[in-house]
Amino acid sequence: VRTVRSYVREGKLPAARIGKQYRITH
């Protein structure tokens, strides 16, 4: 999970922040 979060924070994996959690589209 930490690896995926770091991809999101680094901008490698686009994600939308909904509340306190990230959501990634298909």
mmCIF file of all heavy atoms, coordinates in Angstrom:
data_MODEL
# 
_entry.id   MODEL 
# 
loop_
_atom_site.group_PDB 
_atom_site.id 
_atom_site.type_symbol 
_atom_site.label_atom_id 
_atom_site.label_alt_id 
_atom_site.label_comp_id 
_atom_site.label_asym_id 
_atom_site.label_entity_id 
_atom_site.label_seq_id 
_atom_site.pdbx_PDB_ins_code 
_atom_site.Cartn_x 
_atom_site.Cartn_y 
_atom_site.Cartn_z 
_atom_site.occupancy 
_atom_site.B_iso_or_equiv 
_atom_site.pdbx_formal_charge 
_atom_site.auth_seq_id 
_atom_site.auth_comp_id 
_atom_site.auth_asym_id 
_atom_site.auth_atom_id 
_atom_site.pdbx_PDB_model_num 
ATOM 1   N N   . VAL A 1 1  ? 0.835   -1.203 0.000   1.00 0.00 ? 1  VAL A N   1 
ATOM 2   C CA  . VAL A 1 1  ? 0.000   0.000  0.000   1.00 0.00 ? 1  VAL A CA  1 
ATOM 3   C C   . VAL A 1 1  ? 0.873   1.257  0.000   1.00 0.00 ? 1  VAL A C   1 
ATOM 4   O O   . VAL A 1 1  ? 0.578   2.234  -0.689  1.00 0.00 ? 1  VAL A O   1 
ATOM 5   C CB  . VAL A 1 1  ? -0.961  -0.006 1.218   1.00 0.00 ? 1  VAL A CB  1 
ATOM 6   C CG1 . VAL A 1 1  ? -1.720  1.297  1.327   1.00 0.00 ? 1  VAL A CG1 1 
ATOM 7   C CG2 . VAL A 1 1  ? -1.931  -1.168 1.117   1.00 0.00 ? 1  VAL A CG2 1 
ATOM 8   N N   . ARG A 1 2  ? 1.965   1.238  0.749   1.00 0.00 ? 2  ARG A N   1 
ATOM 9   C CA  . ARG A 1 2  ? 2.855   2.414  0.794   1.00 0.00 ? 2  ARG A CA  1 
ATOM 10  C C   . ARG A 1 2  ? 3.447   2.718  -0.576  1.00 0.00 ? 2  ARG A C   1 
ATOM 11  O O   . ARG A 1 2  ? 3.644   3.878  -0.921  1.00 0.00 ? 2  ARG A O   1 
ATOM 12  C CB  . ARG A 1 2  ? 3.986   2.176  1.799   1.00 0.00 ? 2  ARG A CB  1 
ATOM 13  C CG  . ARG A 1 2  ? 3.520   2.202  3.220   1.00 0.00 ? 2  ARG A CG  1 
ATOM 14  C CD  . ARG A 1 2  ? 4.695   2.088  4.151   1.00 0.00 ? 2  ARG A CD  1 
ATOM 15  N NE  . ARG A 1 2  ? 4.259   1.582  5.422   1.00 0.00 ? 2  ARG A NE  1 
ATOM 16  C CZ  . ARG A 1 2  ? 5.021   0.977  6.300   1.00 0.00 ? 2  ARG A CZ  1 
ATOM 17  N NH1 . ARG A 1 2  ? 6.290   0.787  6.045   1.00 0.00 ? 2  ARG A NH1 1 
ATOM 18  N NH2 . ARG A 1 2  ? 4.542   0.557  7.443   1.00 0.00 ? 2  ARG A NH2 1 
ATOM 19  N N   . THR A 1 3  ? 3.745   1.684  -1.335  1.00 0.00 ? 3  THR A N   1 
ATOM 20  C CA  . THR A 1 3  ? 4.295   1.880  -2.679  1.00 0.00 ? 3  THR A CA  1 
ATOM 21  C C   . THR A 1 3  ? 3.282   2.592  -3.565  1.00 0.00 ? 3  THR A C   1 
ATOM 22  O O   . THR A 1 3  ? 3.622   3.552  -4.271  1.00 0.00 ? 3  THR A O   1 
ATOM 23  C CB  . THR A 1 3  ? 4.681   0.521  -3.305  1.00 0.00 ? 3  THR A CB  1 
ATOM 24  O OG1 . THR A 1 3  ? 5.587   -0.149 -2.434  1.00 0.00 ? 3  THR A OG1 1 
ATOM 25  C CG2 . THR A 1 3  ? 5.309   0.697  -4.667  1.00 0.00 ? 3  THR A CG2 1 
ATOM 26  N N   . VAL A 1 4  ? 2.028   2.154  -3.513  1.00 0.00 ? 4  VAL A N   1 
ATOM 27  C CA  . VAL A 1 4  ? 0.981   2.779  -4.323  1.00 0.00 ? 4  VAL A CA  1 
ATOM 28  C C   . VAL A 1 4  ? 0.788   4.228  -3.884  1.00 0.00 ? 4  VAL A C   1 
ATOM 29  O O   . VAL A 1 4  ? 0.676   5.133  -4.719  1.00 0.00 ? 4  VAL A O   1 
ATOM 30  C CB  . VAL A 1 4  ? -0.344  1.990  -4.243  1.00 0.00 ? 4  VAL A CB  1 
ATOM 31  C CG1 . VAL A 1 4  ? -1.454  2.704  -4.997  1.00 0.00 ? 4  VAL A CG1 1 
ATOM 32  C CG2 . VAL A 1 4  ? -0.156  0.573  -4.774  1.00 0.00 ? 4  VAL A CG2 1 
ATOM 33  N N   . ARG A 1 5  ? 0.774   4.473  -2.580  1.00 0.00 ? 5  ARG A N   1 
ATOM 34  C CA  . ARG A 1 5  ? 0.618   5.849  -2.095  1.00 0.00 ? 5  ARG A CA  1 
ATOM 35  C C   . ARG A 1 5  ? 1.765   6.740  -2.573  1.00 0.00 ? 5  ARG A C   1 
ATOM 36  O O   . ARG A 1 5  ? 1.556   7.891  -2.929  1.00 0.00 ? 5  ARG A O   1 
ATOM 37  C CB  . ARG A 1 5  ? 0.550   5.868  -0.563  1.00 0.00 ? 5  ARG A CB  1 
ATOM 38  C CG  . ARG A 1 5  ? -0.799  5.518  -0.029  1.00 0.00 ? 5  ARG A CG  1 
ATOM 39  C CD  . ARG A 1 5  ? -0.958  5.899  1.438   1.00 0.00 ? 5  ARG A CD  1 
ATOM 40  N NE  . ARG A 1 5  ? -2.158  5.284  1.953   1.00 0.00 ? 5  ARG A NE  1 
ATOM 41  C CZ  . ARG A 1 5  ? -2.184  4.313  2.842   1.00 0.00 ? 5  ARG A CZ  1 
ATOM 42  N NH1 . ARG A 1 5  ? -1.067  3.845  3.364   1.00 0.00 ? 5  ARG A NH1 1 
ATOM 43  N NH2 . ARG A 1 5  ? -3.330  3.800  3.247   1.00 0.00 ? 5  ARG A NH2 1 
ATOM 44  N N   . SER A 1 6  ? 2.978   6.205  -2.571  1.00 0.00 ? 6  SER A N   1 
ATOM 45  C CA  . SER A 1 6  ? 4.113   7.013  -3.032  1.00 0.00 ? 6  SER A CA  1 
ATOM 46  C C   . SER A 1 6  ? 3.995   7.308  -4.521  1.00 0.00 ? 6  SER A C   1 
ATOM 47  O O   . SER A 1 6  ? 4.326   8.404  -4.964  1.00 0.00 ? 6  SER A O   1 
ATOM 48  C CB  . SER A 1 6  ? 5.445   6.337  -2.699  1.00 0.00 ? 6  SER A CB  1 
ATOM 49  O OG  . SER A 1 6  ? 5.653   5.200  -3.498  1.00 0.00 ? 6  SER A OG  1 
ATOM 50  N N   . TYR A 1 7  ? 3.500   6.355  -5.335  1.00 0.00 ? 7  TYR A N   1 
ATOM 51  C CA  . TYR A 1 7  ? 3.264   6.615  -6.760  1.00 0.00 ? 7  TYR A CA  1 
ATOM 52  C C   . TYR A 1 7  ? 2.265   7.755  -6.930  1.00 0.00 ? 7  TYR A C   1 
ATOM 53  O O   . TYR A 1 7  ? 2.423   8.611  -7.798  1.00 0.00 ? 7  TYR A O   1 
ATOM 54  C CB  . TYR A 1 7  ? 2.742   5.371  -7.475  1.00 0.00 ? 7  TYR A CB  1 
ATOM 55  C CG  . TYR A 1 7  ? 3.751   4.268  -7.674  1.00 0.00 ? 7  TYR A CG  1 
ATOM 56  C CD1 . TYR A 1 7  ? 3.332   2.951  -7.827  1.00 0.00 ? 7  TYR A CD1 1 
ATOM 57  C CD2 . TYR A 1 7  ? 5.118   4.512  -7.717  1.00 0.00 ? 7  TYR A CD2 1 
ATOM 58  C CE1 . TYR A 1 7  ? 4.241   1.918  -8.012  1.00 0.00 ? 7  TYR A CE1 1 
ATOM 59  C CE2 . TYR A 1 7  ? 6.040   3.487  -7.912  1.00 0.00 ? 7  TYR A CE2 1 
ATOM 60  C CZ  . TYR A 1 7  ? 5.600   2.192  -8.053  1.00 0.00 ? 7  TYR A CZ  1 
ATOM 61  O OH  . TYR A 1 7  ? 6.498   1.183  -8.238  1.00 0.00 ? 7  TYR A OH  1 
ATOM 62  N N   . VAL A 1 8  ? 1.234   7.753  -6.101  1.00 0.00 ? 8  VAL A N   1 
ATOM 63  C CA  . VAL A 1 8  ? 0.213   8.804  -6.182  1.00 0.00 ? 8  VAL A CA  1 
ATOM 64  C C   . VAL A 1 8  ? 0.824   10.148 -5.787  1.00 0.00 ? 8  VAL A C   1 
ATOM 65  O O   . VAL A 1 8  ? 0.655   11.155 -6.486  1.00 0.00 ? 8  VAL A O   1 
ATOM 66  C CB  . VAL A 1 8  ? -1.002  8.459  -5.294  1.00 0.00 ? 8  VAL A CB  1 
ATOM 67  C CG1 . VAL A 1 8  ? -1.944  9.651  -5.162  1.00 0.00 ? 8  VAL A CG1 1 
ATOM 68  C CG2 . VAL A 1 8  ? -1.745  7.242  -5.850  1.00 0.00 ? 8  VAL A CG2 1 
ATOM 69  N N   . ARG A 1 9  ? 1.550   10.191 -4.666  1.00 0.00 ? 9  ARG A N   1 
ATOM 70  C CA  . ARG A 1 9  ? 2.140   11.443 -4.195  1.00 0.00 ? 9  ARG A CA  1 
ATOM 71  C C   . ARG A 1 9  ? 3.164   12.005 -5.178  1.00 0.00 ? 9  ARG A C   1 
ATOM 72  O O   . ARG A 1 9  ? 3.296   13.212 -5.329  1.00 0.00 ? 9  ARG A O   1 
ATOM 73  C CB  . ARG A 1 9  ? 2.791   11.231 -2.829  1.00 0.00 ? 9  ARG A CB  1 
ATOM 74  C CG  . ARG A 1 9  ? 1.783   11.102 -1.720  1.00 0.00 ? 9  ARG A CG  1 
ATOM 75  C CD  . ARG A 1 9  ? 2.452   11.109 -0.356  1.00 0.00 ? 9  ARG A CD  1 
ATOM 76  N NE  . ARG A 1 9  ? 1.544   10.577 0.629   1.00 0.00 ? 9  ARG A NE  1 
ATOM 77  C CZ  . ARG A 1 9  ? 1.696   9.419  1.275   1.00 0.00 ? 9  ARG A CZ  1 
ATOM 78  N NH1 . ARG A 1 9  ? 2.750   8.677  1.056   1.00 0.00 ? 9  ARG A NH1 1 
ATOM 79  N NH2 . ARG A 1 9  ? 0.804   9.016  2.136   1.00 0.00 ? 9  ARG A NH2 1 
ATOM 80  N N   . GLU A 1 10 ? 3.901   11.107 -5.837  1.00 0.00 ? 10 GLU A N   1 
ATOM 81  C CA  . GLU A 1 10 ? 4.921   11.538 -6.801  1.00 0.00 ? 10 GLU A CA  1 
ATOM 82  C C   . GLU A 1 10 ? 4.316   11.912 -8.146  1.00 0.00 ? 10 GLU A C   1 
ATOM 83  O O   . GLU A 1 10 ? 5.024   12.381 -9.042  1.00 0.00 ? 10 GLU A O   1 
ATOM 84  C CB  . GLU A 1 10 ? 5.955   10.417 -6.999  1.00 0.00 ? 10 GLU A CB  1 
ATOM 85  C CG  . GLU A 1 10 ? 6.776   10.133 -5.765  1.00 0.00 ? 10 GLU A CG  1 
ATOM 86  C CD  . GLU A 1 10 ? 7.577   8.832  -5.860  1.00 0.00 ? 10 GLU A CD  1 
ATOM 87  O OE1 . GLU A 1 10 ? 7.557   8.167  -6.919  1.00 0.00 ? 10 GLU A OE1 1 
ATOM 88  O OE2 . GLU A 1 10 ? 8.209   8.479  -4.851  1.00 0.00 ? 10 GLU A OE2 1 
ATOM 89  N N   . GLY A 1 11 ? 3.010   11.683 -8.325  1.00 0.00 ? 11 GLY A N   1 
ATOM 90  C CA  . GLY A 1 11 ? 2.341   12.021 -9.571  1.00 0.00 ? 11 GLY A CA  1 
ATOM 91  C C   . GLY A 1 11 ? 2.476   10.960 -10.650 1.00 0.00 ? 11 GLY A C   1 
ATOM 92  O O   . GLY A 1 11 ? 2.054   11.167 -11.786 1.00 0.00 ? 11 GLY A O   1 
ATOM 93  N N   . LYS A 1 12 ? 3.065   9.822  -10.322 1.00 0.00 ? 12 LYS A N   1 
ATOM 94  C CA  . LYS A 1 12 ? 3.208   8.749  -11.299 1.00 0.00 ? 12 LYS A CA  1 
ATOM 95  C C   . LYS A 1 12 ? 1.883   8.069  -11.599 1.00 0.00 ? 12 LYS A C   1 
ATOM 96  O O   . LYS A 1 12 ? 1.666   7.568  -12.691 1.00 0.00 ? 12 LYS A O   1 
ATOM 97  C CB  . LYS A 1 12 ? 4.211   7.701  -10.800 1.00 0.00 ? 12 LYS A CB  1 
ATOM 98  C CG  . LYS A 1 12 ? 5.628   8.215  -10.677 1.00 0.00 ? 12 LYS A CG  1 
ATOM 99  C CD  . LYS A 1 12 ? 6.536   7.144  -10.131 1.00 0.00 ? 12 LYS A CD  1 
ATOM 100 C CE  . LYS A 1 12 ? 7.948   7.661  -9.953  1.00 0.00 ? 12 LYS A CE  1 
ATOM 101 N NZ  . LYS A 1 12 ? 8.824   6.640  -9.346  1.00 0.00 ? 12 LYS A NZ  1 
ATOM 102 N N   . LEU A 1 13 ? 1.016   8.031  -10.593 1.00 0.00 ? 13 LEU A N   1 
ATOM 103 C CA  . LEU A 1 13 ? -0.302  7.410  -10.722 1.00 0.00 ? 13 LEU A CA  1 
ATOM 104 C C   . LEU A 1 13 ? -1.354  8.469  -10.393 1.00 0.00 ? 13 LEU A C   1 
ATOM 105 O O   . LEU A 1 13 ? -1.467  8.885  -9.236  1.00 0.00 ? 13 LEU A O   1 
ATOM 106 C CB  . LEU A 1 13 ? -0.435  6.208  -9.781  1.00 0.00 ? 13 LEU A CB  1 
ATOM 107 C CG  . LEU A 1 13 ? -1.772  5.489  -9.744  1.00 0.00 ? 13 LEU A CG  1 
ATOM 108 C CD1 . LEU A 1 13 ? -2.155  4.948  -11.120 1.00 0.00 ? 13 LEU A CD1 1 
ATOM 109 C CD2 . LEU A 1 13 ? -1.725  4.342  -8.736  1.00 0.00 ? 13 LEU A CD2 1 
ATOM 110 N N   . PRO A 1 14 ? -2.102  8.937  -11.393 1.00 0.00 ? 14 PRO A N   1 
ATOM 111 C CA  . PRO A 1 14 ? -3.117  9.957  -11.115 1.00 0.00 ? 14 PRO A CA  1 
ATOM 112 C C   . PRO A 1 14 ? -4.189  9.435  -10.162 1.00 0.00 ? 14 PRO A C   1 
ATOM 113 O O   . PRO A 1 14 ? -4.607  8.281  -10.251 1.00 0.00 ? 14 PRO A O   1 
ATOM 114 C CB  . PRO A 1 14 ? -3.722  10.244 -12.499 1.00 0.00 ? 14 PRO A CB  1 
ATOM 115 C CG  . PRO A 1 14 ? -2.736  9.725  -13.483 1.00 0.00 ? 14 PRO A CG  1 
ATOM 116 C CD  . PRO A 1 14 ? -2.032  8.585  -12.801 1.00 0.00 ? 14 PRO A CD  1 
ATOM 117 N N   . ALA A 1 15 ? -4.611  10.305 -9.255  1.00 0.00 ? 15 ALA A N   1 
ATOM 118 C CA  . ALA A 1 15 ? -5.645  9.926  -8.289  1.00 0.00 ? 15 ALA A CA  1 
ATOM 119 C C   . ALA A 1 15 ? -6.388  11.171 -7.857  1.00 0.00 ? 15 ALA A C   1 
ATOM 120 O O   . ALA A 1 15 ? -5.831  12.270 -7.845  1.00 0.00 ? 15 ALA A O   1 
ATOM 121 C CB  . ALA A 1 15 ? -5.023  9.225  -7.088  1.00 0.00 ? 15 ALA A CB  1 
ATOM 122 N N   . ALA A 1 16 ? -7.629  10.989 -7.499  1.00 0.00 ? 16 ALA A N   1 
ATOM 123 C CA  . ALA A 1 16 ? -8.438  12.072 -6.949  1.00 0.00 ? 16 ALA A CA  1 
ATOM 124 C C   . ALA A 1 16 ? -8.533  11.868 -5.448  1.00 0.00 ? 16 ALA A C   1 
ATOM 125 O O   . ALA A 1 16 ? -8.703  10.741 -4.976  1.00 0.00 ? 16 ALA A O   1 
ATOM 126 C CB  . ALA A 1 16 ? -9.827  12.052 -7.568  1.00 0.00 ? 16 ALA A CB  1 
ATOM 127 N N   . ARG A 1 17 ? -8.404  12.945 -4.725  1.00 0.00 ? 17 ARG A N   1 
ATOM 128 C CA  . ARG A 1 17 ? -8.531  12.850 -3.272  1.00 0.00 ? 17 ARG A CA  1 
ATOM 129 C C   . ARG A 1 17 ? -9.991  13.113 -2.913  1.00 0.00 ? 17 ARG A C   1 
ATOM 130 O O   . ARG A 1 17 ? -10.534 14.171 -3.204  1.00 0.00 ? 17 ARG A O   1 
ATOM 131 C CB  . ARG A 1 17 ? -7.618  13.854 -2.600  1.00 0.00 ? 17 ARG A CB  1 
ATOM 132 C CG  . ARG A 1 17 ? -7.497  13.607 -1.130  1.00 0.00 ? 17 ARG A CG  1 
ATOM 133 C CD  . ARG A 1 17 ? -6.363  14.445 -0.560  1.00 0.00 ? 17 ARG A CD  1 
ATOM 134 N NE  . ARG A 1 17 ? -6.282  14.236 0.855   1.00 0.00 ? 17 ARG A NE  1 
ATOM 135 C CZ  . ARG A 1 17 ? -5.306  13.585 1.456   1.00 0.00 ? 17 ARG A CZ  1 
ATOM 136 N NH1 . ARG A 1 17 ? -4.314  13.125 0.748   1.00 0.00 ? 17 ARG A NH1 1 
ATOM 137 N NH2 . ARG A 1 17 ? -5.311  13.423 2.746   1.00 0.00 ? 17 ARG A NH2 1 
ATOM 138 N N   . ILE A 1 18 ? -10.613 12.121 -2.293  1.00 0.00 ? 18 ILE A N   1 
ATOM 139 C CA  . ILE A 1 18 ? -11.997 12.243 -1.856  1.00 0.00 ? 18 ILE A CA  1 
ATOM 140 C C   . ILE A 1 18 ? -11.970 12.110 -0.335  1.00 0.00 ? 18 ILE A C   1 
ATOM 141 O O   . ILE A 1 18 ? -11.677 11.038 0.199   1.00 0.00 ? 18 ILE A O   1 
ATOM 142 C CB  . ILE A 1 18 ? -12.891 11.160 -2.498  1.00 0.00 ? 18 ILE A CB  1 
ATOM 143 C CG1 . ILE A 1 18 ? -12.850 11.307 -4.017  1.00 0.00 ? 18 ILE A CG1 1 
ATOM 144 C CG2 . ILE A 1 18 ? -14.307 11.264 -1.959  1.00 0.00 ? 18 ILE A CG2 1 
ATOM 145 C CD1 . ILE A 1 18 ? -13.578 10.222 -4.763  1.00 0.00 ? 18 ILE A CD1 1 
ATOM 146 N N   . GLY A 1 19 ? -12.242 13.208 0.344   1.00 0.00 ? 19 GLY A N   1 
ATOM 147 C CA  . GLY A 1 19 ? -12.096 13.205 1.791   1.00 0.00 ? 19 GLY A CA  1 
ATOM 148 C C   . GLY A 1 19 ? -10.626 13.035 2.140   1.00 0.00 ? 19 GLY A C   1 
ATOM 149 O O   . GLY A 1 19 ? -9.777  13.770 1.654   1.00 0.00 ? 19 GLY A O   1 
ATOM 150 N N   . LYS A 1 20 ? -10.316 12.025 2.914   1.00 0.00 ? 20 LYS A N   1 
ATOM 151 C CA  . LYS A 1 20 ? -8.927  11.764 3.301   1.00 0.00 ? 20 LYS A CA  1 
ATOM 152 C C   . LYS A 1 20 ? -8.312  10.625 2.509   1.00 0.00 ? 20 LYS A C   1 
ATOM 153 O O   . LYS A 1 20 ? -7.212  10.191 2.802   1.00 0.00 ? 20 LYS A O   1 
ATOM 154 C CB  . LYS A 1 20 ? -8.861  11.430 4.795   1.00 0.00 ? 20 LYS A CB  1 
ATOM 155 C CG  . LYS A 1 20 ? -9.208  12.594 5.681   1.00 0.00 ? 20 LYS A CG  1 
ATOM 156 C CD  . LYS A 1 20 ? -9.006  12.231 7.132   1.00 0.00 ? 20 LYS A CD  1 
ATOM 157 C CE  . LYS A 1 20 ? -9.275  13.425 8.012   1.00 0.00 ? 20 LYS A CE  1 
ATOM 158 N NZ  . LYS A 1 20 ? -8.968  13.166 9.405   1.00 0.00 ? 20 LYS A NZ  1 
ATOM 159 N N   . GLN A 1 21 ? -9.036  10.115 1.520   1.00 0.00 ? 21 GLN A N   1 
ATOM 160 C CA  . GLN A 1 21 ? -8.542  8.952  0.783   1.00 0.00 ? 21 GLN A CA  1 
ATOM 161 C C   . GLN A 1 21 ? -8.410  9.258  -0.702  1.00 0.00 ? 21 GLN A C   1 
ATOM 162 O O   . GLN A 1 21 ? -9.129  10.086 -1.243  1.00 0.00 ? 21 GLN A O   1 
ATOM 163 C CB  . GLN A 1 21 ? -9.479  7.768  0.986   1.00 0.00 ? 21 GLN A CB  1 
ATOM 164 C CG  . GLN A 1 21 ? -9.576  7.358  2.438   1.00 0.00 ? 21 GLN A CG  1 
ATOM 165 C CD  . GLN A 1 21 ? -10.221 6.013  2.588   1.00 0.00 ? 21 GLN A CD  1 
ATOM 166 O OE1 . GLN A 1 21 ? -10.594 5.381  1.612   1.00 0.00 ? 21 GLN A OE1 1 
ATOM 167 N NE2 . GLN A 1 21 ? -10.353 5.566  3.815   1.00 0.00 ? 21 GLN A NE2 1 
ATOM 168 N N   . TYR A 1 22 ? -7.470  8.560  -1.317  1.00 0.00 ? 22 TYR A N   1 
ATOM 169 C CA  . TYR A 1 22 ? -7.278  8.662  -2.754  1.00 0.00 ? 22 TYR A CA  1 
ATOM 170 C C   . TYR A 1 22 ? -8.164  7.653  -3.465  1.00 0.00 ? 22 TYR A C   1 
ATOM 171 O O   . TYR A 1 22 ? -8.384  6.550  -2.969  1.00 0.00 ? 22 TYR A O   1 
ATOM 172 C CB  . TYR A 1 22 ? -5.824  8.373  -3.136  1.00 0.00 ? 22 TYR A CB  1 
ATOM 173 C CG  . TYR A 1 22 ? -4.842  9.411  -2.664  1.00 0.00 ? 22 TYR A CG  1 
ATOM 174 C CD1 . TYR A 1 22 ? -3.952  9.128  -1.639  1.00 0.00 ? 22 TYR A CD1 1 
ATOM 175 C CD2 . TYR A 1 22 ? -4.789  10.670 -3.261  1.00 0.00 ? 22 TYR A CD2 1 
ATOM 176 C CE1 . TYR A 1 22 ? -3.034  10.075 -1.211  1.00 0.00 ? 22 TYR A CE1 1 
ATOM 177 C CE2 . TYR A 1 22 ? -3.880  11.612 -2.837  1.00 0.00 ? 22 TYR A CE2 1 
ATOM 178 C CZ  . TYR A 1 22 ? -3.008  11.323 -1.814  1.00 0.00 ? 22 TYR A CZ  1 
ATOM 179 O OH  . TYR A 1 22 ? -2.107  12.256 -1.402  1.00 0.00 ? 22 TYR A OH  1 
ATOM 180 N N   . ARG A 1 23 ? -8.632  8.022  -4.669  1.00 0.00 ? 23 ARG A N   1 
ATOM 181 C CA  . ARG A 1 23 ? -9.364  7.113  -5.536  1.00 0.00 ? 23 ARG A CA  1 
ATOM 182 C C   . ARG A 1 23 ? -8.729  7.174  -6.919  1.00 0.00 ? 23 ARG A C   1 
ATOM 183 O O   . ARG A 1 23 ? -8.435  8.261  -7.440  1.00 0.00 ? 23 ARG A O   1 
ATOM 184 C CB  . ARG A 1 23 ? -10.844 7.485  -5.631  1.00 0.00 ? 23 ARG A CB  1 
ATOM 185 C CG  . ARG A 1 23 ? -11.590 7.292  -4.323  1.00 0.00 ? 23 ARG A CG  1 
ATOM 186 C CD  . ARG A 1 23 ? -11.731 5.815  -3.987  1.00 0.00 ? 23 ARG A CD  1 
ATOM 187 N NE  . ARG A 1 23 ? -12.500 5.626  -2.792  1.00 0.00 ? 23 ARG A NE  1 
ATOM 188 C CZ  . ARG A 1 23 ? -12.023 5.120  -1.667  1.00 0.00 ? 23 ARG A CZ  1 
ATOM 189 N NH1 . ARG A 1 23 ? -10.773 4.749  -1.590  1.00 0.00 ? 23 ARG A NH1 1 
ATOM 190 N NH2 . ARG A 1 23 ? -12.797 4.961  -0.620  1.00 0.00 ? 23 ARG A NH2 1 
ATOM 191 N N   . ILE A 1 24 ? -8.520  6.000  -7.509  1.00 0.00 ? 24 ILE A N   1 
ATOM 192 C CA  . ILE A 1 24 ? -7.878  5.884  -8.806  1.00 0.00 ? 24 ILE A CA  1 
ATOM 193 C C   . ILE A 1 24 ? -8.901  5.337  -9.786  1.00 0.00 ? 24 ILE A C   1 
ATOM 194 O O   . ILE A 1 24 ? -9.555  4.329  -9.507  1.00 0.00 ? 24 ILE A O   1 
ATOM 195 C CB  . ILE A 1 24 ? -6.647  4.953  -8.723  1.00 0.00 ? 24 ILE A CB  1 
ATOM 196 C CG1 . ILE A 1 24 ? -5.594  5.549  -7.788  1.00 0.00 ? 24 ILE A CG1 1 
ATOM 197 C CG2 . ILE A 1 24 ? -6.023  4.723  -10.083 1.00 0.00 ? 24 ILE A CG2 1 
ATOM 198 C CD1 . ILE A 1 24 ? -5.468  4.891  -6.477  1.00 0.00 ? 24 ILE A CD1 1 
ATOM 199 N N   . THR A 1 25 ? -9.017  5.989  -10.947 1.00 0.00 ? 25 THR A N   1 
ATOM 200 C CA  . THR A 1 25 ? -9.980  5.513  -11.942 1.00 0.00 ? 25 THR A CA  1 
ATOM 201 C C   . THR A 1 25 ? -9.426  4.275  -12.645 1.00 0.00 ? 25 THR A C   1 
ATOM 202 O O   . THR A 1 25 ? -8.206  4.051  -12.695 1.00 0.00 ? 25 THR A O   1 
ATOM 203 C CB  . THR A 1 25 ? -10.282 6.590  -13.011 1.00 0.00 ? 25 THR A CB  1 
ATOM 204 O OG1 . THR A 1 25 ? -9.110  6.822  -13.776 1.00 0.00 ? 25 THR A OG1 1 
ATOM 205 C CG2 . THR A 1 25 ? -10.804 7.864  -12.389 1.00 0.00 ? 25 THR A CG2 1 
ATOM 206 N N   . HIS A 1 26 ? -10.321 3.506  -13.198 1.00 0.00 ? 26 HIS A N   1 
ATOM 207 C CA  . HIS A 1 26 ? -9.965  2.297  -13.929 1.00 0.00 ? 26 HIS A CA  1 
ATOM 208 C C   . HIS A 1 26 ? -9.057  2.653  -15.113 1.00 0.00 ? 26 HIS A C   1 
ATOM 209 O O   . HIS A 1 26 ? -8.037  1.987  -15.350 1.00 0.00 ? 26 HIS A O   1 
ATOM 210 C CB  . HIS A 1 26 ? -11.244 1.597  -14.411 1.00 0.00 ? 26 HIS A CB  1 
ATOM 211 C CG  . HIS A 1 26 ? -11.014 0.292  -15.076 1.00 0.00 ? 26 HIS A CG  1 
ATOM 212 N ND1 . HIS A 1 26 ? -10.834 -0.873 -14.362 1.00 0.00 ? 26 HIS A ND1 1 
ATOM 213 C CD2 . HIS A 1 26 ? -10.917 -0.038 -16.387 1.00 0.00 ? 26 HIS A CD2 1 
ATOM 214 C CE1 . HIS A 1 26 ? -10.646 -1.872 -15.210 1.00 0.00 ? 26 HIS A CE1 1 
ATOM 215 N NE2 . HIS A 1 26 ? -10.689 -1.389 -16.455 1.00 0.00 ? 26 HIS A NE2 1 
# 
